[in-house]
């Protein structure tokens, strides 16, 4: 069985928000594996990953969720399409003056 394109598979689980403060929203509840509480958005990083395999998809957003009960942190490495990656990278740069940085939720909450 052939798997769908990696970006299309990711879009089944992640919604593009077009909002630099939280560029992805899960289409599922992120539940802590230790205590069962729902986890909250904590941070993200937009980056381009270098692979030895030229067919590998380099455009990624790592997004972290934190359990506010037991403090467990869960990280997802989500592949995104190049246009969205460029859009979010430019938004991060416009608001922070930096590329390839970790954006913490507490720093962007108004």
PDB file of N, CA and C in Angstrom:
ATOM      1  N   UNK A   1       0.839  -1.187   0.000  1.00  0.00           N
ATOM      2  CA  UNK A   1       0.000   0.000   0.000  1.00  0.00           C
ATOM      3  C   UNK A   1       0.879   1.244   0.000  1.00  0.00           C
ATOM      4  N   UNK A   2       0.602   2.168  -0.884  1.00  0.00           N
ATOM      5  CA  UNK A   2       1.339   3.425  -0.927  1.00  0.00           C
ATOM      6  C   UNK A   2       0.744   4.405   0.077  1.00  0.00           C
ATOM      7  N   UNK A   3       1.619   5.039   0.829  1.00  0.00           N
ATOM      8  CA  UNK A   3       1.164   6.051   1.781  1.00  0.00           C
ATOM      9  C   UNK A   3       0.981   7.377   1.064  1.00  0.00           C
ATOM     10  N   UNK A   4      -0.005   8.168   1.489  1.00  0.00           N
ATOM     11  CA  UNK A   4      -0.170   9.496   0.891  1.00  0.00           C
ATOM     12  C   UNK A   4       1.066  10.357   1.165  1.00  0.00           C
ATOM     13  N   UNK A   5       1.202  11.410   0.409  1.00  0.00           N
ATOM     14  CA  UNK A   5       2.284  12.361   0.603  1.00  0.00           C
ATOM     15  C   UNK A   5       2.369  12.760   2.083  1.00  0.00           C
ATOM     16  N   UNK A   6       3.590  12.944   2.573  1.00  0.00           N
ATOM     17  CA  UNK A   6       3.803  13.226   4.003  1.00  0.00           C
ATOM     18  C   UNK A   6       3.073  14.492   4.459  1.00  0.00           C
ATOM     19  N   UNK A   7       3.037  15.516   3.628  1.00  0.00           N
ATOM     20  CA  UNK A   7       2.341  16.756   4.000  1.00  0.00           C
ATOM     21  C   UNK A   7       0.837  16.525   4.056  1.00  0.00           C
ATOM     22  N   UNK A   8       0.316  15.783   3.101  1.00  0.00           N
ATOM     23  CA  UNK A   8      -1.125  15.488   3.098  1.00  0.00           C
ATOM     24  C   UNK A   8      -1.504  14.639   4.314  1.00  0.00           C
ATOM     25  N   UNK A   9      -0.651  13.713   4.709  1.00  0.00           N
ATOM     26  CA  UNK A   9      -0.919  12.931   5.923  1.00  0.00           C
ATOM     27  C   UNK A   9      -0.933  13.830   7.143  1.00  0.00           C
ATOM     28  N   UNK A  10       0.020  14.767   7.202  1.00  0.00           N
ATOM     29  CA  UNK A  10       0.073  15.686   8.350  1.00  0.00           C
ATOM     30  C   UNK A  10      -1.178  16.555   8.409  1.00  0.00           C
ATOM     31  N   UNK A  11      -1.680  16.974   7.253  1.00  0.00           N
ATOM     32  CA  UNK A  11      -2.879  17.826   7.221  1.00  0.00           C
ATOM     33  C   UNK A  11      -4.127  17.086   7.722  1.00  0.00           C
ATOM     34  N   UNK A  12      -4.081  15.769   7.755  1.00  0.00           N
ATOM     35  CA  UNK A  12      -5.195  15.009   8.322  1.00  0.00           C
ATOM     36  C   UNK A  12      -5.284  15.222   9.828  1.00  0.00           C
ATOM     37  N   UNK A  13      -4.156  15.587  10.458  1.00  0.00           N
ATOM     38  CA  UNK A  13      -4.087  15.707  11.916  1.00  0.00           C
ATOM     39  C   UNK A  13      -3.830  17.127  12.414  1.00  0.00           C
ATOM     40  N   UNK A  14      -3.341  17.996  11.526  1.00  0.00           N
ATOM     41  CA  UNK A  14      -2.947  19.345  11.928  1.00  0.00           C
ATOM     42  C   UNK A  14      -3.578  20.388  11.019  1.00  0.00           C
ATOM     43  N   UNK A  15      -4.090  21.448  11.617  1.00  0.00           N
ATOM     44  CA  UNK A  15      -4.713  22.547  10.882  1.00  0.00           C
ATOM     45  C   UNK A  15      -3.733  23.714  10.794  1.00  0.00           C
ATOM     46  N   UNK A  16      -3.570  24.281   9.608  1.00  0.00           N
ATOM     47  CA  UNK A  16      -2.771  25.488   9.428  1.00  0.00           C
ATOM     48  C   UNK A  16      -3.613  26.669   9.914  1.00  0.00           C
ATOM     49  N   UNK A  17      -3.080  27.450  10.838  1.00  0.00           N
ATOM     50  CA  UNK A  17      -3.840  28.573  11.394  1.00  0.00           C
ATOM     51  C   UNK A  17      -3.539  29.904  10.706  1.00  0.00           C
ATOM     52  N   UNK A  18      -2.399  30.010  10.040  1.00  0.00           N
ATOM     53  CA  UNK A  18      -1.932  31.261   9.436  1.00  0.00           C
ATOM     54  C   UNK A  18      -1.800  32.360  10.497  1.00  0.00           C
ATOM     55  N   UNK A  19      -1.450  31.946  11.701  1.00  0.00           N
ATOM     56  CA  UNK A  19      -1.283  32.853  12.829  1.00  0.00           C
ATOM     57  C   UNK A  19       0.054  32.550  13.481  1.00  0.00           C
ATOM     58  N   UNK A  20       0.958  33.523  13.508  1.00  0.00           N
ATOM     59  CA  UNK A  20       2.319  33.256  13.945  1.00  0.00           C
ATOM     60  C   UNK A  20       2.427  32.825  15.409  1.00  0.00           C
ATOM     61  N   UNK A  21       1.458  33.178  16.233  1.00  0.00           N
ATOM     62  CA  UNK A  21       1.546  32.822  17.649  1.00  0.00           C
ATOM     63  C   UNK A  21       1.335  31.323  17.908  1.00  0.00           C
ATOM     64  N   UNK A  22       0.564  30.679  17.078  1.00  0.00           N
ATOM     65  CA  UNK A  22       0.411  29.216  17.133  1.00  0.00           C
ATOM     66  C   UNK A  22       0.082  28.750  15.713  1.00  0.00           C
ATOM     67  N   UNK A  23       1.107  28.412  14.925  1.00  0.00           N
ATOM     68  CA  UNK A  23       0.894  28.148  13.508  1.00  0.00           C
ATOM     69  C   UNK A  23       0.163  26.852  13.184  1.00  0.00           C
ATOM     70  N   UNK A  24       0.096  25.940  14.127  1.00  0.00           N
ATOM     71  CA  UNK A  24      -0.601  24.670  13.924  1.00  0.00           C
ATOM     72  C   UNK A  24      -1.522  24.391  15.094  1.00  0.00           C
ATOM     73  N   UNK A  25      -2.687  23.825  14.791  1.00  0.00           N
ATOM     74  CA  UNK A  25      -3.590  23.348  15.840  1.00  0.00           C
ATOM     75  C   UNK A  25      -3.886  21.886  15.557  1.00  0.00           C
ATOM     76  N   UNK A  26      -3.814  21.066  16.587  1.00  0.00           N
ATOM     77  CA  UNK A  26      -4.124  19.654  16.371  1.00  0.00           C
ATOM     78  C   UNK A  26      -5.622  19.459  16.138  1.00  0.00           C
ATOM     79  N   UNK A  27      -5.944  18.493  15.300  1.00  0.00           N
ATOM     80  CA  UNK A  27      -7.345  18.135  15.055  1.00  0.00           C
ATOM     81  C   UNK A  27      -7.755  17.005  16.000  1.00  0.00           C
ATOM     82  N   UNK A  28      -7.020  16.861  17.068  1.00  0.00           N
ATOM     83  CA  UNK A  28      -7.248  15.833  18.073  1.00  0.00           C
ATOM     84  C   UNK A  28      -6.872  16.423  19.427  1.00  0.00           C
ATOM     85  N   UNK A  29      -7.335  15.802  20.491  1.00  0.00           N
ATOM     86  CA  UNK A  29      -6.940  16.245  21.825  1.00  0.00           C
ATOM     87  C   UNK A  29      -5.566  15.673  22.140  1.00  0.00           C
ATOM     88  N   UNK A  30      -4.682  16.531  22.622  1.00  0.00           N
ATOM     89  CA  UNK A  30      -3.354  16.077  23.036  1.00  0.00           C
ATOM     90  C   UNK A  30      -3.458  15.727  24.513  1.00  0.00           C
ATOM     91  N   UNK A  31      -3.382  14.436  24.794  1.00  0.00           N
ATOM     92  CA  UNK A  31      -3.585  13.917  26.147  1.00  0.00           C
ATOM     93  C   UNK A  31      -2.248  13.443  26.724  1.00  0.00           C
ATOM     94  N   UNK A  32      -1.998  13.782  27.966  1.00  0.00           N
ATOM     95  CA  UNK A  32      -0.781  13.364  28.652  1.00  0.00           C
ATOM     96  C   UNK A  32      -0.784  11.845  28.836  1.00  0.00           C
ATOM     97  N   UNK A  33       0.302  11.217  28.453  1.00  0.00           N
ATOM     98  CA  UNK A  33       0.425   9.758  28.575  1.00  0.00           C
ATOM     99  C   UNK A  33       0.634   9.318  30.027  1.00  0.00           C
ATOM    100  N   UNK A  34       1.010  10.250  30.903  1.00  0.00           N
ATOM    101  CA  UNK A  34       1.301   9.897  32.286  1.00  0.00           C
ATOM    102  C   UNK A  34       0.105  10.059  33.216  1.00  0.00           C
ATOM    103  N   UNK A  35      -0.609  11.194  33.084  1.00  0.00           N
ATOM    104  CA  UNK A  35      -1.697  11.437  34.039  1.00  0.00           C
ATOM    105  C   UNK A  35      -3.075  11.542  33.386  1.00  0.00           C
ATOM    106  N   UNK A  36      -3.135  11.605  32.057  1.00  0.00           N
ATOM    107  CA  UNK A  36      -4.417  11.624  31.368  1.00  0.00           C
ATOM    108  C   UNK A  36      -5.040  13.000  31.178  1.00  0.00           C
ATOM    109  N   UNK A  37      -4.389  14.062  31.650  1.00  0.00           N
ATOM    110  CA  UNK A  37      -4.931  15.411  31.463  1.00  0.00           C
ATOM    111  C   UNK A  37      -4.705  15.891  30.031  1.00  0.00           C
ATOM    112  N   UNK A  38      -5.560  16.823  29.594  1.00  0.00           N
ATOM    113  CA  UNK A  38      -5.351  17.426  28.288  1.00  0.00           C
ATOM    114  C   UNK A  38      -4.170  18.390  28.378  1.00  0.00           C
ATOM    115  N   UNK A  39      -3.303  18.349  27.385  1.00  0.00           N
ATOM    116  CA  UNK A  39      -2.105  19.178  27.372  1.00  0.00           C
ATOM    117  C   UNK A  39      -2.393  20.491  26.652  1.00  0.00           C
ATOM    118  N   UNK A  40      -1.576  21.516  26.929  1.00  0.00           N
ATOM    119  CA  UNK A  40      -1.763  22.835  26.327  1.00  0.00           C
ATOM    120  C   UNK A  40      -0.561  23.174  25.450  1.00  0.00           C
ATOM    121  N   UNK A  41      -0.819  24.006  24.435  1.00  0.00           N
ATOM    122  CA  UNK A  41       0.251  24.484  23.563  1.00  0.00           C
ATOM    123  C   UNK A  41       1.303  25.191  24.403  1.00  0.00           C
ATOM    124  N   UNK A  42       2.588  24.897  24.122  1.00  0.00           N
ATOM    125  CA  UNK A  42       3.665  25.457  24.941  1.00  0.00           C
ATOM    126  C   UNK A  42       4.701  26.225  24.115  1.00  0.00           C
ATOM    127  N   UNK A  43       5.132  25.687  22.963  1.00  0.00           N
ATOM    128  CA  UNK A  43       6.124  26.355  22.134  1.00  0.00           C
ATOM    129  C   UNK A  43       6.134  25.745  20.736  1.00  0.00           C
ATOM    130  N   UNK A  44       6.813  26.440  19.812  1.00  0.00           N
ATOM    131  CA  UNK A  44       7.044  25.866  18.486  1.00  0.00           C
ATOM    132  C   UNK A  44       8.348  26.391  17.906  1.00  0.00           C
ATOM    133  N   UNK A  45       8.826  25.698  16.892  1.00  0.00           N
ATOM    134  CA  UNK A  45      10.034  26.102  16.163  1.00  0.00           C
ATOM    135  C   UNK A  45       9.833  25.770  14.691  1.00  0.00           C
ATOM    136  N   UNK A  46      10.043  26.760  13.835  1.00  0.00           N
ATOM    137  CA  UNK A  46       9.982  26.571  12.382  1.00  0.00           C
ATOM    138  C   UNK A  46      11.414  26.348  11.921  1.00  0.00           C
ATOM    139  N   UNK A  47      11.656  25.243  11.240  1.00  0.00           N
ATOM    140  CA  UNK A  47      13.019  24.997  10.781  1.00  0.00           C
ATOM    141  C   UNK A  47      13.021  24.164   9.501  1.00  0.00           C
ATOM    142  N   UNK A  48      14.147  24.237   8.828  1.00  0.00           N
ATOM    143  CA  UNK A  48      14.352  23.452   7.609  1.00  0.00           C
ATOM    144  C   UNK A  48      15.388  22.392   7.938  1.00  0.00           C
ATOM    145  N   UNK A  49      14.992  21.152   7.814  1.00  0.00           N
ATOM    146  CA  UNK A  49      15.858  20.039   8.193  1.00  0.00           C
ATOM    147  C   UNK A  49      16.647  19.553   6.979  1.00  0.00           C
ATOM    148  N   UNK A  50      17.900  19.273   7.179  1.00  0.00           N
ATOM    149  CA  UNK A  50      18.756  18.757   6.109  1.00  0.00           C
ATOM    150  C   UNK A  50      18.839  17.240   6.211  1.00  0.00           C
ATOM    151  N   UNK A  51      18.540  16.567   5.111  1.00  0.00           N
ATOM    152  CA  UNK A  51      18.587  15.108   5.066  1.00  0.00           C
ATOM    153  C   UNK A  51      19.603  14.660   4.026  1.00  0.00           C
ATOM    154  N   UNK A  52      20.173  13.483   4.229  1.00  0.00           N
ATOM    155  CA  UNK A  52      21.041  12.892   3.216  1.00  0.00           C
ATOM    156  C   UNK A  52      20.214  12.447   2.016  1.00  0.00           C
ATOM    157  N   UNK A  53      18.990  11.998   2.266  1.00  0.00           N
ATOM    158  CA  UNK A  53      18.088  11.557   1.206  1.00  0.00           C
ATOM    159  C   UNK A  53      17.463  12.790   0.544  1.00  0.00           C
ATOM    160  N   UNK A  54      17.721  13.030  -0.731  1.00  0.00           N
ATOM    161  CA  UNK A  54      17.167  14.230  -1.390  1.00  0.00           C
ATOM    162  C   UNK A  54      15.644  14.196  -1.533  1.00  0.00           C
ATOM    163  N   UNK A  55      15.017  13.045  -1.345  1.00  0.00           N
ATOM    164  CA  UNK A  55      13.562  12.950  -1.454  1.00  0.00           C
ATOM    165  C   UNK A  55      12.862  13.267  -0.131  1.00  0.00           C
ATOM    166  N   UNK A  56      13.623  13.391   0.944  1.00  0.00           N
ATOM    167  CA  UNK A  56      13.035  13.673   2.255  1.00  0.00           C
ATOM    168  C   UNK A  56      12.486  15.101   2.290  1.00  0.00           C
ATOM    169  N   UNK A  57      11.429  15.294   3.047  1.00  0.00           N
ATOM    170  CA  UNK A  57      10.749  16.596   3.114  1.00  0.00           C
ATOM    171  C   UNK A  57      11.396  17.470   4.195  1.00  0.00           C
ATOM    172  N   UNK A  58      11.995  18.609   3.829  1.00  0.00           N
ATOM    173  CA  UNK A  58      12.758  19.394   4.802  1.00  0.00           C
ATOM    174  C   UNK A  58      11.973  20.416   5.628  1.00  0.00           C
ATOM    175  N   UNK A  59      10.769  20.793   5.217  1.00  0.00           N
ATOM    176  CA  UNK A  59      10.056  21.904   5.857  1.00  0.00           C
ATOM    177  C   UNK A  59       9.243  21.404   7.042  1.00  0.00           C
ATOM    178  N   UNK A  60       9.622  21.851   8.241  1.00  0.00           N
ATOM    179  CA  UNK A  60       9.043  21.317   9.475  1.00  0.00           C
ATOM    180  C   UNK A  60       8.660  22.419  10.446  1.00  0.00           C
ATOM    181  N   UNK A  61       7.663  22.108  11.253  1.00  0.00           N
ATOM    182  CA  UNK A  61       7.366  22.899  12.443  1.00  0.00           C
ATOM    183  C   UNK A  61       7.313  21.914  13.601  1.00  0.00           C
ATOM    184  N   UNK A  62       8.223  22.094  14.554  1.00  0.00           N
ATOM    185  CA  UNK A  62       8.167  21.307  15.785  1.00  0.00           C
ATOM    186  C   UNK A  62       7.255  22.070  16.732  1.00  0.00           C
ATOM    187  N   UNK A  63       6.317  21.363  17.341  1.00  0.00           N
ATOM    188  CA  UNK A  63       5.359  22.028  18.225  1.00  0.00           C
ATOM    189  C   UNK A  63       5.255  21.231  19.520  1.00  0.00           C
ATOM    190  N   UNK A  64       5.378  21.934  20.638  1.00  0.00           N
ATOM    191  CA  UNK A  64       5.376  21.290  21.946  1.00  0.00           C
ATOM    192  C   UNK A  64       4.113  21.595  22.733  1.00  0.00           C
ATOM    193  N   UNK A  65       3.664  20.588  23.449  1.00  0.00           N
ATOM    194  CA  UNK A  65       2.509  20.709  24.338  1.00  0.00           C
ATOM    195  C   UNK A  65       2.946  20.289  25.734  1.00  0.00           C
ATOM    196  N   UNK A  66       2.396  20.967  26.741  1.00  0.00           N
ATOM    197  CA  UNK A  66       2.793  20.704  28.121  1.00  0.00           C
ATOM    198  C   UNK A  66       1.594  20.332  28.967  1.00  0.00           C
ATOM    199  N   UNK A  67       1.774  19.336  29.816  1.00  0.00           N
ATOM    200  CA  UNK A  67       0.759  18.973  30.793  1.00  0.00           C
ATOM    201  C   UNK A  67       0.939  19.887  31.998  1.00  0.00           C
ATOM    202  N   UNK A  68      -0.108  20.602  32.356  1.00  0.00           N
ATOM    203  CA  UNK A  68      -0.018  21.531  33.479  1.00  0.00           C
ATOM    204  C   UNK A  68      -0.222  20.827  34.819  1.00  0.00           C
ATOM    205  N   UNK A  69      -0.505  19.520  34.774  1.00  0.00           N
ATOM    206  CA  UNK A  69      -0.659  18.750  35.996  1.00  0.00           C
ATOM    207  C   UNK A  69       0.665  18.104  36.411  1.00  0.00           C
ATOM    208  N   UNK A  70       1.267  17.329  35.496  1.00  0.00           N
ATOM    209  CA  UNK A  70       2.498  16.600  35.856  1.00  0.00           C
ATOM    210  C   UNK A  70       3.734  17.158  35.145  1.00  0.00           C
ATOM    211  N   UNK A  71       3.548  18.176  34.290  1.00  0.00           N
ATOM    212  CA  UNK A  71       4.626  18.907  33.618  1.00  0.00           C
ATOM    213  C   UNK A  71       5.352  18.104  32.532  1.00  0.00           C
ATOM    214  N   UNK A  72       4.715  17.037  32.067  1.00  0.00           N
ATOM    215  CA  UNK A  72       5.273  16.287  30.943  1.00  0.00           C
ATOM    216  C   UNK A  72       5.198  17.152  29.690  1.00  0.00           C
ATOM    217  N   UNK A  73       6.220  17.060  28.832  1.00  0.00           N
ATOM    218  CA  UNK A  73       6.255  17.818  27.582  1.00  0.00           C
ATOM    219  C   UNK A  73       6.258  16.837  26.414  1.00  0.00           C
ATOM    220  N   UNK A  74       5.375  17.070  25.455  1.00  0.00           N
ATOM    221  CA  UNK A  74       5.245  16.227  24.261  1.00  0.00           C
ATOM    222  C   UNK A  74       5.561  17.092  23.047  1.00  0.00           C
ATOM    223  N   UNK A  75       6.412  16.589  22.138  1.00  0.00           N
ATOM    224  CA  UNK A  75       6.811  17.347  20.957  1.00  0.00           C
ATOM    225  C   UNK A  75       6.423  16.576  19.702  1.00  0.00           C
ATOM    226  N   UNK A  76       5.838  17.293  18.739  1.00  0.00           N
ATOM    227  CA  UNK A  76       5.483  16.729  17.449  1.00  0.00           C
ATOM    228  C   UNK A  76       6.325  17.434  16.383  1.00  0.00           C
ATOM    229  N   UNK A  77       6.914  16.687  15.479  1.00  0.00           N
ATOM    230  CA  UNK A  77       7.637  17.238  14.340  1.00  0.00           C
ATOM    231  C   UNK A  77       6.736  17.152  13.127  1.00  0.00           C
ATOM    232  N   UNK A  78       6.101  18.252  12.759  1.00  0.00           N
ATOM    233  CA  UNK A  78       5.058  18.235  11.733  1.00  0.00           C
ATOM    234  C   UNK A  78       5.612  18.745  10.398  1.00  0.00           C
ATOM    235  N   UNK A  79       5.573  17.927   9.354  1.00  0.00           N
ATOM    236  CA  UNK A  79       5.971  18.414   8.032  1.00  0.00           C
ATOM    237  C   UNK A  79       4.890  19.329   7.459  1.00  0.00           C
ATOM    238  N   UNK A  80       5.306  20.439   6.898  1.00  0.00           N
ATOM    239  CA  UNK A  80       4.358  21.390   6.299  1.00  0.00           C
ATOM    240  C   UNK A  80       4.810  21.702   4.875  1.00  0.00           C
ATOM    241  N   UNK A  81       3.899  22.231   4.070  1.00  0.00           N
ATOM    242  CA  UNK A  81       4.296  22.547   2.696  1.00  0.00           C
ATOM    243  C   UNK A  81       5.190  23.785   2.675  1.00  0.00           C
ATOM    244  N   UNK A  82       5.962  23.924   1.629  1.00  0.00           N
ATOM    245  CA  UNK A  82       6.964  24.989   1.539  1.00  0.00           C
ATOM    246  C   UNK A  82       6.351  26.386   1.616  1.00  0.00           C
ATOM    247  N   UNK A  83       5.210  26.593   0.976  1.00  0.00           N
ATOM    248  CA  UNK A  83       4.560  27.907   1.013  1.00  0.00           C
ATOM    249  C   UNK A  83       4.158  28.298   2.431  1.00  0.00           C
ATOM    250  N   UNK A  84       3.596  27.347   3.176  1.00  0.00           N
ATOM    251  CA  UNK A  84       3.197  27.647   4.556  1.00  0.00           C
ATOM    252  C   UNK A  84       4.426  27.872   5.427  1.00  0.00           C
ATOM    253  N   UNK A  85       5.460  27.070   5.222  1.00  0.00           N
ATOM    254  CA  UNK A  85       6.707  27.225   5.961  1.00  0.00           C
ATOM    255  C   UNK A  85       7.275  28.624   5.742  1.00  0.00           C
ATOM    256  N   UNK A  86       7.297  29.072   4.483  1.00  0.00           N
ATOM    257  CA  UNK A  86       7.797  30.417   4.173  1.00  0.00           C
ATOM    258  C   UNK A  86       6.936  31.496   4.818  1.00  0.00           C
ATOM    259  N   UNK A  87       5.611  31.318   4.772  1.00  0.00           N
ATOM    260  CA  UNK A  87       4.709  32.287   5.370  1.00  0.00           C
ATOM    261  C   UNK A  87       4.973  32.415   6.874  1.00  0.00           C
ATOM    262  N   UNK A  88       5.006  31.304   7.587  1.00  0.00           N
ATOM    263  CA  UNK A  88       5.208  31.332   9.041  1.00  0.00           C
ATOM    264  C   UNK A  88       6.603  31.832   9.385  1.00  0.00           C
ATOM    265  N   UNK A  89       7.615  31.408   8.632  1.00  0.00           N
ATOM    266  CA  UNK A  89       8.979  31.898   8.880  1.00  0.00           C
ATOM    267  C   UNK A  89       9.044  33.412   8.768  1.00  0.00           C
ATOM    268  N   UNK A  90       8.410  33.954   7.743  1.00  0.00           N
ATOM    269  CA  UNK A  90       8.403  35.403   7.564  1.00  0.00           C
ATOM    270  C   UNK A  90       7.617  36.113   8.661  1.00  0.00           C
ATOM    271  N   UNK A  91       6.518  35.521   9.101  1.00  0.00           N
ATOM    272  CA  UNK A  91       5.739  36.102  10.207  1.00  0.00           C
ATOM    273  C   UNK A  91       6.549  36.109  11.503  1.00  0.00           C
ATOM    274  N   UNK A  92       7.260  35.020  11.773  1.00  0.00           N
ATOM    275  CA  UNK A  92       8.102  34.955  12.977  1.00  0.00           C
ATOM    276  C   UNK A  92       9.174  36.033  12.898  1.00  0.00           C
ATOM    277  N   UNK A  93       9.817  36.153  11.742  1.00  0.00           N
ATOM    278  CA  UNK A  93      10.858  37.162  11.573  1.00  0.00           C
ATOM    279  C   UNK A  93      10.290  38.578  11.744  1.00  0.00           C
ATOM    280  N   UNK A  94       9.120  38.815  11.167  1.00  0.00           N
ATOM    281  CA  UNK A  94       8.483  40.137  11.244  1.00  0.00           C
ATOM    282  C   UNK A  94       8.193  40.527  12.699  1.00  0.00           C
ATOM    283  N   UNK A  95       7.812  39.549  13.528  1.00  0.00           N
ATOM    284  CA  UNK A  95       7.436  39.845  14.912  1.00  0.00           C
ATOM    285  C   UNK A  95       8.582  39.720  15.908  1.00  0.00           C
ATOM    286  N   UNK A  96       9.627  38.948  15.571  1.00  0.00           N
ATOM    287  CA  UNK A  96      10.707  38.726  16.537  1.00  0.00           C
ATOM    288  C   UNK A  96      12.062  39.232  16.062  1.00  0.00           C
ATOM    289  N   UNK A  97      12.209  39.417  14.749  1.00  0.00           N
ATOM    290  CA  UNK A  97      13.502  39.819  14.211  1.00  0.00           C
ATOM    291  C   UNK A  97      14.470  38.665  14.039  1.00  0.00           C
ATOM    292  N   UNK A  98      13.989  37.436  14.197  1.00  0.00           N
ATOM    293  CA  UNK A  98      14.862  36.264  14.095  1.00  0.00           C
ATOM    294  C   UNK A  98      14.214  35.172  13.246  1.00  0.00           C
ATOM    295  N   UNK A  99      15.072  34.376  12.622  1.00  0.00           N
ATOM    296  CA  UNK A  99      14.634  33.144  11.973  1.00  0.00           C
ATOM    297  C   UNK A  99      15.079  31.982  12.848  1.00  0.00           C
ATOM    298  N   UNK A 100      14.434  30.855  12.711  1.00  0.00           N
ATOM    299  CA  UNK A 100      14.854  29.604  13.355  1.00  0.00           C
ATOM    300  C   UNK A 100      15.042  29.764  14.864  1.00  0.00           C
ATOM    301  N   UNK A 101      14.025  30.289  15.532  1.00  0.00           N
ATOM    302  CA  UNK A 101      14.062  30.405  16.985  1.00  0.00           C
ATOM    303  C   UNK A 101      12.872  29.646  17.562  1.00  0.00           C
ATOM    304  N   UNK A 102      12.960  29.360  18.840  1.00  0.00           N
ATOM    305  CA  UNK A 102      11.834  28.750  19.549  1.00  0.00           C
ATOM    306  C   UNK A 102      10.926  29.875  20.015  1.00  0.00           C
ATOM    307  N   UNK A 103       9.636  29.767  19.677  1.00  0.00           N
ATOM    308  CA  UNK A 103       8.641  30.763  20.099  1.00  0.00           C
ATOM    309  C   UNK A 103       7.822  30.142  21.209  1.00  0.00           C
ATOM    310  N   UNK A 104       7.958  30.666  22.418  1.00  0.00           N
ATOM    311  CA  UNK A 104       7.236  30.158  23.569  1.00  0.00           C
ATOM    312  C   UNK A 104       5.863  30.789  23.684  1.00  0.00           C
ATOM    313  N   UNK A 105       4.896  30.003  24.064  1.00  0.00           N
ATOM    314  CA  UNK A 105       3.518  30.492  24.198  1.00  0.00           C
ATOM    315  C   UNK A 105       3.446  31.644  25.181  1.00  0.00           C
ATOM    316  N   UNK A 106       4.174  31.579  26.272  1.00  0.00           N
ATOM    317  CA  UNK A 106       4.090  32.643  27.282  1.00  0.00           C
ATOM    318  C   UNK A 106       4.634  33.961  26.754  1.00  0.00           C
ATOM    319  N   UNK A 107       5.485  33.917  25.723  1.00  0.00           N
ATOM    320  CA  UNK A 107       6.034  35.148  25.169  1.00  0.00           C
ATOM    321  C   UNK A 107       5.081  35.816  24.190  1.00  0.00           C
ATOM    322  N   UNK A 108       4.100  35.075  23.679  1.00  0.00           N
ATOM    323  CA  UNK A 108       3.220  35.652  22.665  1.00  0.00           C
ATOM    324  C   UNK A 108       1.793  35.859  23.157  1.00  0.00           C
ATOM    325  N   UNK A 109       1.515  35.463  24.378  1.00  0.00           N
ATOM    326  CA  UNK A 109       0.162  35.672  24.930  1.00  0.00           C
ATOM    327  C   UNK A 109       0.009  37.157  25.235  1.00  0.00           C
ATOM    328  N   UNK A 110      -1.070  37.734  24.742  1.00  0.00           N
ATOM    329  CA  UNK A 110      -1.289  39.168  24.948  1.00  0.00           C
ATOM    330  C   UNK A 110      -2.052  39.422  26.227  1.00  0.00           C
TER     331      UNK A 110
END
